[in-house]
Amino acid sequence: MITLEHDHLIFRFPEVHEDAVCTIDFQRSLRIPDDGKNYPLPPGFGSLPLRHVDDFAEQAPAEWLKRGGVIMPMHQAEALWLHFGSYDRRENAYPFALKIATGKICAVTGEAWVNHLNTDPQDYAVAPEQPWLDGYCVKKGTIRQFVAMPLGEGYTVEEQLTEAATHGGIQIIAYPMKKEHYEELRRKRLEQEARQMATSPCYSESATMGVAPGGRMNQEIYDDAYGLDAWDQRHASRCFIAIVNSTQWLALTGESPPAPPLTAAAYTEAGLPWFDYYGADAAALDGAERLAGLKSVAEMGKQKGNTLLKEKESVAVNHTIILRNKDSQRVREIEAG
């Protein structure tokens, strides 16, 4: 079951385990310069608004209504990242295998969408070990940022790999860990906590939008340390997030869209921090060859003779914070396609 609560998608699987809950929200972000350099992780500026597609049945395209899910506004060339969370403390969160696609192209492998998990190569991320995803896995330790672009103009990953502008948007499917695997994991966690307490002191444009590859960023997508058998593929929830431009968002919902975010240059000049994430011993996946060969928004714009990215100059990052790993209403799910 999926619900929409405070602009977060909540995936719940009470039939698997009462703790099987995962939250996903879409963070507005800086669009990093597309200059060939690798940048640290940019900040999040809050969750993008989400609304039920079914609430706008009279105005929404028939294809959206067929798929169900939610709608989300983005400005052209605006960037975002996906945040994976839980109602529990991160170290005690229920594990999930999460498949993320844009335009039905897997963001991890570049392959066409399938409704099951693969490990050769791995086509999913594991939460909570993977706390967020900012883009397409093009190389080990490097991603290309998710950037919204109009569908039908050749920029999106979907169009570059399939030569068709059919789906757009973002698609997510969540698989909870099997109950027996989780119970064993929780037992080990409790034993570890008991040992620690015994030895440590106590302290209290086109209307429909797709997603295209942007600038390069340092981010690892981690190998599944649990193994394929740990995931309950009999139980899954799948949601489609249709992306609309600011004009269509206003026309559909009557709400003003969020203001355009800061540029990377303005943010950096203000002395505000960027981020890096240290995943301890977690092994990173290799990048996908299909994604590595894609043209970024800047490269595609140059090829087309269009100047879509007005603020693409390089920035000098002088303040980076290291982040370390420490050991509503129901949404209608996809029914077709």
Protein backbone atom coordinates (compact mmCIF):
# COMPACT_ATOMS: atom_id res chain seq x y z
CA MET A 1 0.00 0.00 0.00
CA ILE A 2 1.21 3.49 -0.87
CA THR A 3 -0.01 6.67 0.77
CA LEU A 4 0.81 10.32 0.18
CA GLU A 5 1.59 12.20 3.38
CA HIS A 6 3.12 15.68 3.56
CA ASP A 7 4.65 15.39 0.07
CA HIS A 8 6.21 12.00 0.95
CA LEU A 9 5.32 8.66 -0.63
CA ILE A 10 4.91 6.08 2.15
CA PHE A 11 5.29 2.42 1.15
CA ARG A 12 3.78 0.06 3.75
CA PHE A 13 3.69 -3.74 3.78
CA PRO A 14 1.79 -4.81 6.92
CA GLU A 15 1.17 -8.21 5.34
CA VAL A 16 4.96 -8.80 5.44
CA HIS A 17 5.83 -7.13 8.77
CA GLU A 18 4.48 -4.30 10.90
CA ASP A 19 7.86 -2.54 10.63
CA ALA A 20 7.99 -2.74 6.82
CA VAL A 21 7.66 0.98 6.03
CA CYS A 22 9.73 3.09 3.65
CA THR A 23 9.37 6.80 2.83
CA ILE A 24 10.49 8.53 -0.36
CA ASP A 25 10.49 12.23 -1.13
CA PHE A 26 11.89 14.29 -3.98
CA GLN A 27 14.25 17.06 -2.91
CA ARG A 28 14.69 20.28 -4.87
CA SER A 29 18.39 20.85 -5.43
CA LEU A 30 21.10 22.89 -7.08
CA ARG A 31 21.80 21.99 -10.67
CA ILE A 32 25.54 21.42 -10.62
CA PRO A 33 27.71 22.81 -13.44
CA ASP A 34 27.91 20.51 -16.45
CA ASP A 35 31.59 21.17 -17.08
CA GLY A 36 33.15 17.69 -17.00
CA LYS A 37 34.26 18.03 -13.36
CA ASN A 38 32.99 15.86 -10.50
CA TYR A 39 31.22 17.84 -7.76
CA PRO A 40 30.26 16.93 -4.19
CA LEU A 41 26.63 16.30 -3.27
CA PRO A 42 24.49 19.46 -3.48
CA PRO A 43 22.02 20.37 -0.72
CA GLY A 44 18.28 19.75 -0.65
CA PHE A 45 15.91 22.72 -0.50
CA GLY A 46 12.86 20.84 0.70
CA SER A 47 10.43 18.35 -0.80
CA LEU A 48 8.81 19.03 -4.14
CA PRO A 49 5.01 19.04 -3.82
CA LEU A 50 3.13 15.88 -4.79
CA ARG A 51 -0.58 15.57 -5.62
CA HIS A 52 -2.83 12.63 -6.52
CA VAL A 53 -3.38 12.28 -10.27
CA ASP A 54 -6.94 11.13 -9.59
CA ASP A 55 -7.79 14.48 -7.98
CA PHE A 56 -7.48 16.10 -11.42
CA ALA A 57 -9.25 13.48 -13.53
CA GLU A 58 -11.02 16.03 -15.71
CA GLN A 59 -7.81 17.82 -16.73
CA ALA A 60 -5.11 15.11 -16.62
CA PRO A 61 -4.15 13.10 -19.73
CA ALA A 62 -5.81 9.69 -20.06
CA GLU A 63 -2.41 7.94 -19.89
CA TRP A 64 -1.72 9.43 -16.45
CA LEU A 65 -5.11 8.30 -15.17
CA LYS A 66 -4.46 4.81 -16.49
CA ARG A 67 -1.20 4.63 -14.54
CA GLY A 68 -2.40 6.31 -11.34
CA GLY A 69 0.24 7.68 -9.00
CA VAL A 70 1.05 11.34 -8.37
CA ILE A 71 2.07 14.51 -10.19
CA MET A 72 5.01 16.77 -9.33
CA PRO A 73 6.08 20.19 -10.70
CA MET A 74 9.57 21.03 -11.92
CA HIS A 75 11.07 23.92 -13.84
CA GLN A 76 12.93 23.18 -17.06
CA ALA A 77 16.54 22.19 -16.29
CA GLU A 78 15.78 21.99 -12.56
CA ALA A 79 17.56 19.22 -10.63
CA LEU A 80 16.31 16.90 -7.91
CA TRP A 81 17.41 13.98 -5.76
CA LEU A 82 15.48 11.14 -4.16
CA HIS A 83 15.61 10.75 -0.39
CA PHE A 84 14.91 7.31 1.12
CA GLY A 85 13.79 7.30 4.73
CA SER A 86 11.94 5.46 7.47
CA TYR A 87 9.78 6.19 10.49
CA ASP A 88 12.45 4.50 12.65
CA ARG A 89 16.02 5.52 13.34
CA ARG A 90 18.10 4.94 10.22
CA GLU A 91 20.22 2.20 11.82
CA ASN A 92 17.02 0.33 12.75
CA ALA A 93 15.11 1.00 9.53
CA TYR A 94 13.42 -1.87 7.69
CA PRO A 95 15.52 -2.70 4.59
CA PHE A 96 14.03 -2.27 1.12
CA ALA A 97 15.18 -2.96 -2.43
CA LEU A 98 14.19 0.06 -4.55
CA LYS A 99 14.10 0.16 -8.34
CA ILE A 100 14.18 3.66 -9.82
CA ALA A 101 13.51 4.43 -13.47
CA THR A 102 13.00 7.54 -15.56
CA GLY A 103 10.90 7.07 -18.68
CA LYS A 104 10.99 3.32 -17.91
CA ILE A 105 14.80 3.26 -18.15
CA CYS A 106 16.58 1.94 -15.04
CA ALA A 107 18.70 4.67 -13.42
CA VAL A 108 21.26 2.11 -12.24
CA THR A 109 21.80 -0.03 -15.37
CA GLY A 110 20.28 1.91 -18.26
CA GLU A 111 18.22 -1.14 -19.22
CA ALA A 112 14.49 -1.21 -19.96
CA TRP A 113 12.16 -1.52 -16.97
CA VAL A 114 11.25 -5.01 -15.71
CA ASN A 115 9.04 -5.83 -12.73
CA HIS A 116 11.59 -7.94 -10.86
CA LEU A 117 15.04 -7.59 -9.31
CA ASN A 118 18.25 -8.51 -11.12
CA THR A 119 21.73 -8.92 -9.68
CA ASP A 120 23.81 -9.42 -12.84
CA PRO A 121 24.08 -6.50 -13.01
CA GLN A 122 22.32 -5.20 -9.90
CA ASP A 123 19.47 -2.94 -11.01
CA TYR A 124 18.30 -1.55 -7.68
CA ALA A 125 19.44 0.34 -4.60
CA VAL A 126 19.18 -0.92 -1.01
CA ALA A 127 17.77 1.38 1.67
CA PRO A 128 18.70 2.43 4.32
CA GLU A 129 22.31 1.71 3.27
CA GLN A 130 21.62 3.92 0.23
CA PRO A 131 20.16 7.07 1.84
CA TRP A 132 19.57 8.95 -1.41
CA LEU A 133 20.01 8.87 -5.18
CA ASP A 134 20.95 11.96 -7.17
CA GLY A 135 21.30 10.62 -10.70
CA TYR A 136 22.29 7.97 -13.21
CA CYS A 137 25.10 5.55 -12.36
CA VAL A 138 27.60 6.18 -15.17
CA LYS A 139 30.82 5.08 -13.49
CA LYS A 140 31.90 3.57 -10.18
CA GLY A 141 31.57 6.41 -7.70
CA THR A 142 30.15 8.84 -10.29
CA ILE A 143 26.60 9.73 -11.27
CA ARG A 144 25.07 12.23 -13.68
CA GLN A 145 22.51 14.43 -11.98
CA PHE A 146 18.75 14.04 -12.56
CA VAL A 147 17.65 17.14 -14.52
CA ALA A 148 14.08 17.78 -15.73
CA MET A 149 13.68 18.47 -19.46
CA PRO A 150 10.69 18.66 -21.81
CA LEU A 151 9.69 15.33 -23.28
CA GLY A 152 9.89 15.21 -27.05
CA GLU A 153 12.97 17.37 -27.62
CA GLY A 154 15.58 14.59 -27.50
CA TYR A 155 17.25 15.41 -24.18
CA THR A 156 15.86 12.73 -21.87
CA VAL A 157 17.51 9.38 -21.19
CA GLU A 158 14.39 7.67 -22.51
CA GLU A 159 14.69 9.40 -25.87
CA GLN A 160 18.44 8.92 -26.17
CA LEU A 161 18.22 5.16 -25.53
CA THR A 162 14.90 4.27 -27.17
CA GLU A 163 14.44 7.08 -29.74
CA ALA A 164 10.90 7.50 -28.39
CA ALA A 165 9.23 10.03 -26.09
CA THR A 166 6.54 7.83 -24.60
CA HIS A 167 6.56 7.75 -20.81
CA GLY A 168 8.52 10.56 -19.15
CA GLY A 169 8.33 10.97 -15.39
CA ILE A 170 9.80 8.72 -12.70
CA GLN A 171 8.81 5.20 -11.77
CA ILE A 172 9.53 3.46 -8.45
CA ILE A 173 8.94 -0.08 -7.22
CA ALA A 174 9.67 -1.08 -3.62
CA TYR A 175 10.33 -4.61 -2.36
CA PRO A 176 10.50 -5.20 1.41
CA MET A 177 12.95 -7.59 2.99
CA LYS A 178 11.48 -11.01 3.75
CA LYS A 179 10.12 -11.28 7.27
CA GLU A 180 12.48 -14.07 8.33
CA HIS A 181 15.54 -12.19 7.05
CA TYR A 182 14.45 -9.04 8.87
CA GLU A 183 13.81 -10.88 12.15
CA GLU A 184 17.32 -12.35 12.02
CA LEU A 185 18.79 -8.93 11.16
CA ARG A 186 16.90 -7.32 14.05
CA ARG A 187 18.12 -10.02 16.45
CA LYS A 188 21.72 -9.28 15.45
CA ARG A 189 21.12 -5.53 15.83
CA LEU A 190 19.73 -6.00 19.33
CA GLU A 191 22.69 -8.18 20.32
CA GLN A 192 25.09 -5.54 19.00
CA GLU A 193 23.26 -2.77 20.90
CA ALA A 194 23.42 -4.85 24.09
CA ARG A 195 27.18 -5.31 23.70
CA GLN A 196 27.65 -1.58 23.07
CA MET A 197 25.62 -0.66 26.16
CA ALA A 198 27.68 -3.03 28.28
CA THR A 199 30.97 -1.49 27.17
CA SER A 200 30.06 2.19 26.53
CA PRO A 201 28.87 5.05 28.74
CA CYS A 202 25.21 6.11 28.34
CA TYR A 203 24.24 9.44 26.71
CA SER A 204 20.84 10.68 26.29
CA GLU A 205 7.90 23.92 -21.82
CA SER A 206 6.40 20.76 -23.37
CA ALA A 207 3.93 20.31 -20.54
CA THR A 208 5.05 16.75 -19.81
CA MET A 209 8.58 16.44 -18.48
CA GLY A 210 11.14 13.67 -18.55
CA VAL A 211 14.53 13.33 -16.86
CA ALA A 212 17.87 13.91 -18.55
CA PRO A 213 21.50 13.49 -17.42
CA GLY A 214 23.17 16.61 -16.05
CA GLY A 215 26.54 17.34 -14.48
CA ARG A 216 28.84 14.78 -12.87
CA MET A 217 28.76 14.15 -9.14
CA ASN A 218 30.59 11.99 -6.62
CA GLN A 219 28.15 9.35 -5.40
CA GLU A 220 28.36 5.61 -4.94
CA ILE A 221 25.47 3.20 -5.46
CA TYR A 222 26.13 0.34 -3.08
CA ASP A 223 26.23 -3.37 -3.72
CA ASP A 224 23.45 -5.45 -2.13
CA ALA A 225 25.10 -6.98 0.94
CA TYR A 226 21.99 -9.03 1.78
CA GLY A 227 21.65 -10.96 -1.50
CA LEU A 228 18.73 -11.42 -3.87
CA ASP A 229 17.01 -14.05 -1.71
CA ALA A 230 16.51 -11.53 1.11
CA TRP A 231 13.86 -9.58 -0.82
CA ASP A 232 10.17 -10.49 -0.82
CA GLN A 233 9.35 -10.18 -4.52
CA ARG A 234 5.86 -11.59 -3.93
CA HIS A 235 4.96 -8.27 -2.33
CA ALA A 236 5.76 -5.03 -4.11
CA SER A 237 4.28 -1.58 -4.61
CA ARG A 238 4.84 0.44 -7.75
CA CYS A 239 4.21 4.15 -8.25
CA PHE A 240 4.50 6.52 -11.21
CA ILE A 241 5.43 10.16 -10.67
CA ALA A 242 4.36 12.34 -13.61
CA ILE A 243 6.46 15.51 -13.91
CA VAL A 244 4.81 18.69 -15.22
CA ASN A 245 6.19 22.13 -15.94
CA SER A 246 5.23 25.14 -13.84
CA THR A 247 2.54 26.32 -16.28
CA GLN A 248 0.73 23.00 -16.35
CA TRP A 249 1.02 22.62 -12.56
CA LEU A 250 -0.82 25.90 -12.13
CA ALA A 251 -3.44 24.93 -14.71
CA LEU A 252 -4.03 21.50 -13.17
CA THR A 253 -3.92 22.27 -9.46
CA GLY A 254 -4.54 26.00 -9.20
CA GLU A 255 -1.42 26.18 -7.02
CA SER A 256 1.63 28.32 -7.71
CA PRO A 257 4.71 26.19 -8.44
CA PRO A 258 7.83 26.53 -6.29
CA ALA A 259 10.13 29.39 -7.25
CA PRO A 260 13.23 28.44 -9.27
CA PRO A 261 16.05 27.29 -6.98
CA LEU A 262 19.34 29.06 -6.41
CA THR A 263 22.14 28.61 -8.92
CA ALA A 264 25.23 26.66 -7.85
CA ALA A 265 27.31 29.83 -8.20
CA ALA A 266 25.04 31.93 -5.97
CA TYR A 267 24.87 29.17 -3.36
CA THR A 268 28.65 28.72 -3.26
CA GLU A 269 29.35 32.45 -3.19
CA ALA A 270 27.16 32.67 -0.07
CA GLY A 271 29.58 30.29 1.67
CA LEU A 272 26.99 27.54 2.09
CA PRO A 273 28.13 23.88 2.31
CA TRP A 274 28.18 21.00 -0.13
CA PHE A 275 28.25 17.40 1.09
CA ASP A 276 30.07 14.09 0.79
CA TYR A 277 28.86 10.72 2.05
CA TYR A 278 31.16 8.11 3.52
CA GLY A 279 29.64 4.62 3.28
CA ALA A 280 32.23 2.83 5.44
CA ASP A 281 32.86 -0.70 4.10
CA ALA A 282 30.00 -0.75 1.60
CA ALA A 283 31.12 -1.81 -1.89
CA ALA A 284 30.10 0.40 -4.82
CA LEU A 285 28.57 -0.80 -8.08
CA ASP A 286 30.34 -0.26 -11.37
CA GLY A 287 28.72 2.23 -13.71
CA ALA A 288 26.47 1.22 -16.60
CA GLU A 289 27.96 1.42 -20.10
CA ARG A 290 24.55 2.30 -21.56
CA LEU A 291 24.33 5.33 -19.28
CA ALA A 292 27.98 6.37 -19.57
CA GLY A 293 27.58 7.07 -23.28
CA LEU A 294 24.60 9.42 -22.94
CA LYS A 295 24.84 13.10 -23.83
CA SER A 296 24.18 15.53 -20.98
CA VAL A 297 21.74 18.41 -21.27
CA ALA A 298 24.62 20.81 -22.02
CA GLU A 299 26.15 18.49 -24.62
CA MET A 300 22.80 17.88 -26.31
CA GLY A 301 22.01 21.61 -26.26
CA LYS A 302 25.32 22.40 -27.92
CA GLN A 303 24.62 19.78 -30.57
CA LYS A 304 21.17 21.29 -31.22
CA GLY A 305 22.43 24.86 -31.12
CA ASN A 306 20.29 25.66 -28.07
CA THR A 307 21.49 27.45 -24.94
CA LEU A 308 19.18 26.04 -22.28
CA LEU A 309 21.49 26.22 -19.29
CA LYS A 310 22.14 29.87 -18.59
CA GLU A 311 24.06 29.25 -15.38
CA LYS A 312 26.58 26.54 -16.18
CA GLU A 313 29.87 28.14 -15.18
CA SER A 314 32.21 26.14 -12.95
CA VAL A 315 32.24 26.84 -9.22
CA ALA A 316 35.00 26.41 -6.66
CA VAL A 317 33.73 24.28 -3.77
CA ASN A 318 35.51 25.31 -0.58
CA HIS A 319 33.13 24.04 2.11
CA THR A 320 32.23 20.35 2.09
CA ILE A 321 30.60 18.52 5.02
CA ILE A 322 31.33 14.80 5.37
CA LEU A 323 28.27 12.72 6.23
CA ARG A 324 29.05 9.29 7.70
CA ASN A 325 27.06 6.08 7.79
CA LYS A 326 26.02 5.04 11.32
CA ASP A 327 25.91 1.32 12.06
CA SER A 328 -2.20 10.53 4.80
CA GLN A 329 -3.97 9.40 1.92
CA ARG A 330 -3.61 6.33 -0.22
CA VAL A 331 -2.01 6.60 -3.68
CA ARG A 332 -3.39 4.42 -6.47
CA GLU A 333 -0.64 2.14 -7.75
CA ILE A 334 0.23 1.37 -11.37
CA GLU A 335 -2.33 -1.01 -12.81
CA ALA A 336 -1.19 -1.27 -16.42
CA GLY A 337 1.87 -0.99 -18.61
